[in-house]
């Protein structure tokens, strides 16, 4: 229950930041001090494929959601922020669960295809931290129920416009690397899929 509350709070915070950046982007560049051409925001449902570290252990899917926003400065080049919360139940034979929240930011490049009704293609590299909880992690004193570490997400996606401003995040594909303690090398390399809804503020 506490994990769900934490995830909800972070996602709400990300949406608040998104709306703040959108309002900032509507101001003339002389007022906000930078030339912000547009802001893209999205809310998505995510599926992340992972595997328990021990050899021969089964793989599993984390399910959850994310909120992201990107500020575009010049010819599609900008900065993106992403907050993702995910959970998986019974990831091994001991009925261990796993929940995690990742907060990352980094560069994003967005290309708008005029020939395809301004369909957006984007690629990004995001870096930050991950907090995992309600699970079992090795520690110097035995085991602990939570852990934190470095997180990296590399990938991209497609936004297909529906009406003015609104789009469908038809597909996002990411490689996700995290450094959380486990019984092996202490790192995870996952494959993530996401889809949802997006909104574009400002110029195309």
Protein backbone atom coordinates (compact mmCIF):
# COMPACT_ATOMS: atom_id res chain seq x y z
CA UNK A 1 0.00 0.00 0.00
CA UNK A 2 2.81 2.42 0.88
CA UNK A 3 4.44 1.65 -2.47
CA UNK A 4 1.27 2.56 -4.37
CA UNK A 5 1.02 5.83 -2.45
CA UNK A 6 4.67 6.69 -3.20
CA UNK A 7 4.17 5.92 -6.89
CA UNK A 8 1.03 8.06 -7.05
CA UNK A 9 2.75 10.99 -5.35
CA UNK A 10 5.70 10.90 -7.74
CA UNK A 11 3.50 10.62 -10.82
CA UNK A 12 1.37 13.52 -9.59
CA UNK A 13 4.54 15.52 -9.03
CA UNK A 14 5.72 14.77 -12.56
CA UNK A 15 2.39 15.92 -13.99
CA UNK A 16 2.63 19.13 -11.99
CA UNK A 17 6.12 19.77 -13.37
CA UNK A 18 4.81 19.04 -16.87
CA UNK A 19 2.02 21.60 -16.59
CA UNK A 20 4.44 24.18 -15.14
CA UNK A 21 6.83 23.70 -18.05
CA UNK A 22 3.94 23.92 -20.51
CA UNK A 23 2.82 27.25 -19.06
CA UNK A 24 6.43 28.45 -19.15
CA UNK A 25 6.70 27.48 -22.82
CA UNK A 26 3.67 29.64 -23.69
CA UNK A 27 5.48 32.76 -22.49
CA UNK A 28 7.54 34.82 -24.96
CA UNK A 29 11.25 33.96 -24.86
CA UNK A 30 11.97 37.45 -23.53
CA UNK A 31 9.99 36.58 -20.40
CA UNK A 32 11.24 33.07 -19.65
CA UNK A 33 14.87 33.87 -20.51
CA UNK A 34 15.23 30.94 -22.94
CA UNK A 35 13.88 30.12 -26.37
CA UNK A 36 11.53 27.21 -25.66
CA UNK A 37 9.85 26.17 -28.91
CA UNK A 38 7.50 23.55 -27.44
CA UNK A 39 6.77 21.08 -24.64
CA UNK A 40 5.68 17.47 -25.08
CA UNK A 41 4.01 15.58 -22.22
CA UNK A 42 2.78 12.01 -21.99
CA UNK A 43 1.22 9.50 -19.62
CA UNK A 44 1.83 5.85 -20.48
CA UNK A 45 1.22 2.29 -19.36
CA UNK A 46 4.47 0.32 -19.21
CA UNK A 47 5.58 -3.31 -19.36
CA UNK A 48 9.17 -4.14 -18.42
CA UNK A 49 10.70 -7.55 -19.03
CA UNK A 50 13.16 -8.63 -16.32
CA UNK A 51 14.72 -11.75 -14.82
CA UNK A 52 15.71 -12.89 -11.34
CA UNK A 53 19.51 -12.86 -11.05
CA UNK A 54 20.01 -16.47 -9.95
CA UNK A 55 20.87 -18.86 -12.80
CA UNK A 56 17.88 -20.79 -14.08
CA UNK A 57 15.38 -18.42 -12.45
CA UNK A 58 12.28 -17.41 -14.43
CA UNK A 59 11.78 -14.11 -16.16
CA UNK A 60 8.85 -11.82 -15.34
CA UNK A 61 7.07 -8.63 -16.38
CA UNK A 62 6.85 -5.49 -14.27
CA UNK A 63 3.65 -3.54 -14.95
CA UNK A 64 3.02 0.11 -14.14
CA UNK A 65 2.86 3.60 -15.53
CA UNK A 66 4.95 6.65 -16.24
CA UNK A 67 4.69 10.37 -16.82
CA UNK A 68 7.21 12.21 -18.97
CA UNK A 69 7.77 15.68 -20.31
CA UNK A 70 10.26 17.15 -22.77
CA UNK A 71 11.19 20.79 -23.30
CA UNK A 72 12.28 21.40 -26.91
CA UNK A 73 14.77 24.20 -27.43
CA UNK A 74 16.14 24.11 -30.99
CA UNK A 75 15.17 22.03 -34.03
CA UNK A 76 13.83 19.14 -31.94
CA UNK A 77 16.71 19.08 -29.46
CA UNK A 78 15.57 19.25 -25.85
CA UNK A 79 15.60 17.84 -22.35
CA UNK A 80 13.24 15.15 -21.03
CA UNK A 81 12.10 14.12 -17.55
CA UNK A 82 10.56 10.72 -16.80
CA UNK A 83 9.03 9.21 -13.66
CA UNK A 84 8.08 5.51 -13.78
CA UNK A 85 6.48 3.31 -11.14
CA UNK A 86 6.15 -0.46 -11.67
CA UNK A 87 5.30 -3.65 -9.75
CA UNK A 88 5.52 -7.41 -10.19
CA UNK A 89 4.15 -10.14 -7.92
CA UNK A 90 5.64 -13.58 -7.21
CA UNK A 91 8.81 -13.11 -9.24
CA UNK A 92 10.37 -16.34 -7.94
CA UNK A 93 9.48 -19.63 -6.27
CA UNK A 94 9.48 -17.93 -2.85
CA UNK A 95 6.60 -15.63 -3.87
CA UNK A 96 8.80 -12.53 -3.62
CA UNK A 97 7.35 -9.30 -5.01
CA UNK A 98 9.11 -6.27 -6.49
CA UNK A 99 8.11 -2.61 -6.76
CA UNK A 100 10.30 0.19 -8.07
CA UNK A 101 10.21 3.90 -8.86
CA UNK A 102 12.71 5.50 -11.24
CA UNK A 103 13.28 9.21 -11.81
CA UNK A 104 15.46 10.08 -14.81
CA UNK A 105 16.29 13.01 -17.06
CA UNK A 106 18.42 13.61 -20.12
CA UNK A 107 18.57 14.72 -23.76
CA UNK A 108 15.82 13.96 -26.28
CA UNK A 109 15.67 14.56 -30.02
CA UNK A 110 12.22 14.81 -31.64
CA UNK A 111 11.49 14.77 -35.37
CA UNK A 112 8.10 15.85 -36.73
CA UNK A 113 7.20 14.17 -40.04
CA UNK A 114 5.10 16.52 -42.15
CA UNK A 115 4.40 13.81 -44.73
CA UNK A 116 2.75 11.71 -41.99
CA UNK A 117 0.54 14.47 -40.57
CA UNK A 118 3.27 15.60 -38.14
CA UNK A 119 3.75 12.20 -36.56
CA UNK A 120 6.54 12.56 -34.00
CA UNK A 121 9.53 10.24 -33.71
CA UNK A 122 11.84 10.69 -30.72
CA UNK A 123 14.99 9.16 -29.29
CA UNK A 124 16.40 9.85 -25.83
CA UNK A 125 18.98 8.95 -23.24
CA UNK A 126 17.83 9.33 -19.63
CA UNK A 127 19.90 8.99 -16.45
CA UNK A 128 18.97 9.11 -12.79
CA UNK A 129 18.11 6.91 -9.85
CA UNK A 130 15.84 3.99 -8.97
CA UNK A 131 14.31 3.03 -5.62
CA UNK A 132 13.12 -0.57 -5.26
CA UNK A 133 11.03 -1.76 -2.32
CA UNK A 134 8.65 -4.43 -0.98
CA UNK A 135 11.14 -7.10 -2.06
CA UNK A 136 14.31 -8.87 -0.86
CA UNK A 137 17.82 -7.53 -1.46
CA UNK A 138 21.17 -8.77 -0.09
CA UNK A 139 22.86 -6.51 2.48
CA UNK A 140 25.87 -6.65 4.78
CA UNK A 141 23.59 -7.59 7.69
CA UNK A 142 21.58 -10.19 5.77
CA UNK A 143 18.71 -8.93 3.64
CA UNK A 144 16.73 -5.73 3.33
CA UNK A 145 13.31 -4.95 1.85
CA UNK A 146 14.43 -1.88 -0.12
CA UNK A 147 17.43 -0.65 -2.11
CA UNK A 148 18.46 2.18 -4.39
CA UNK A 149 20.86 2.68 -7.25
CA UNK A 150 21.71 4.18 -10.62
CA UNK A 151 19.20 3.94 -13.48
CA UNK A 152 19.59 4.50 -17.23
CA UNK A 153 17.03 4.35 -20.03
CA UNK A 154 17.88 4.46 -23.75
CA UNK A 155 15.24 4.30 -26.44
CA UNK A 156 12.54 6.14 -28.29
CA UNK A 157 8.97 6.17 -29.46
CA UNK A 158 6.24 7.34 -31.82
CA UNK A 159 3.46 9.88 -31.17
CA UNK A 160 0.62 9.78 -33.71
CA UNK A 161 -1.55 12.95 -33.72
CA UNK A 162 -5.31 12.69 -33.30
CA UNK A 163 -6.58 16.26 -32.88
CA UNK A 164 -4.79 19.55 -32.36
CA UNK A 165 -2.29 18.97 -29.54
CA UNK A 166 -3.42 15.44 -28.61
CA UNK A 167 -1.55 12.33 -29.77
CA UNK A 168 -1.40 8.61 -29.12
CA UNK A 169 1.92 7.32 -27.83
CA UNK A 170 1.58 4.33 -30.17
CA UNK A 171 4.76 2.64 -29.02
CA UNK A 172 7.84 3.34 -26.94
CA UNK A 173 10.71 0.85 -26.77
CA UNK A 174 13.51 1.22 -24.21
CA UNK A 175 16.56 -0.53 -22.86
CA UNK A 176 16.61 -0.07 -19.06
CA UNK A 177 19.76 -0.60 -16.98
CA UNK A 178 19.71 -0.45 -13.18
CA UNK A 179 22.29 -1.08 -10.44
CA UNK A 180 20.40 -2.78 -7.63
CA UNK A 181 22.00 -5.34 -5.30
CA UNK A 182 21.34 -8.99 -6.09
CA UNK A 183 23.08 -12.31 -5.61
CA UNK A 184 25.09 -11.93 -8.84
CA UNK A 185 26.78 -8.88 -10.41
CA UNK A 186 24.48 -6.24 -8.89
CA UNK A 187 23.01 -4.93 -12.15
CA UNK A 188 19.93 -5.50 -14.27
CA UNK A 189 19.36 -5.12 -18.02
CA UNK A 190 15.69 -4.98 -18.94
CA UNK A 191 13.50 -4.41 -22.00
CA UNK A 192 10.60 -1.96 -21.65
CA UNK A 193 7.49 -1.28 -23.75
CA UNK A 194 5.10 1.62 -23.19
CA UNK A 195 2.06 3.18 -24.82
CA UNK A 196 -0.48 5.84 -23.86
CA UNK A 197 -1.48 9.45 -24.56
CA UNK A 198 0.56 12.58 -25.28
CA UNK A 199 -0.03 16.31 -25.65
CA UNK A 200 2.03 18.90 -27.55
CA UNK A 201 2.25 22.52 -26.34
CA UNK A 202 3.63 25.21 -28.65
CA UNK A 203 5.02 25.13 -32.17
CA UNK A 204 5.26 21.96 -34.27
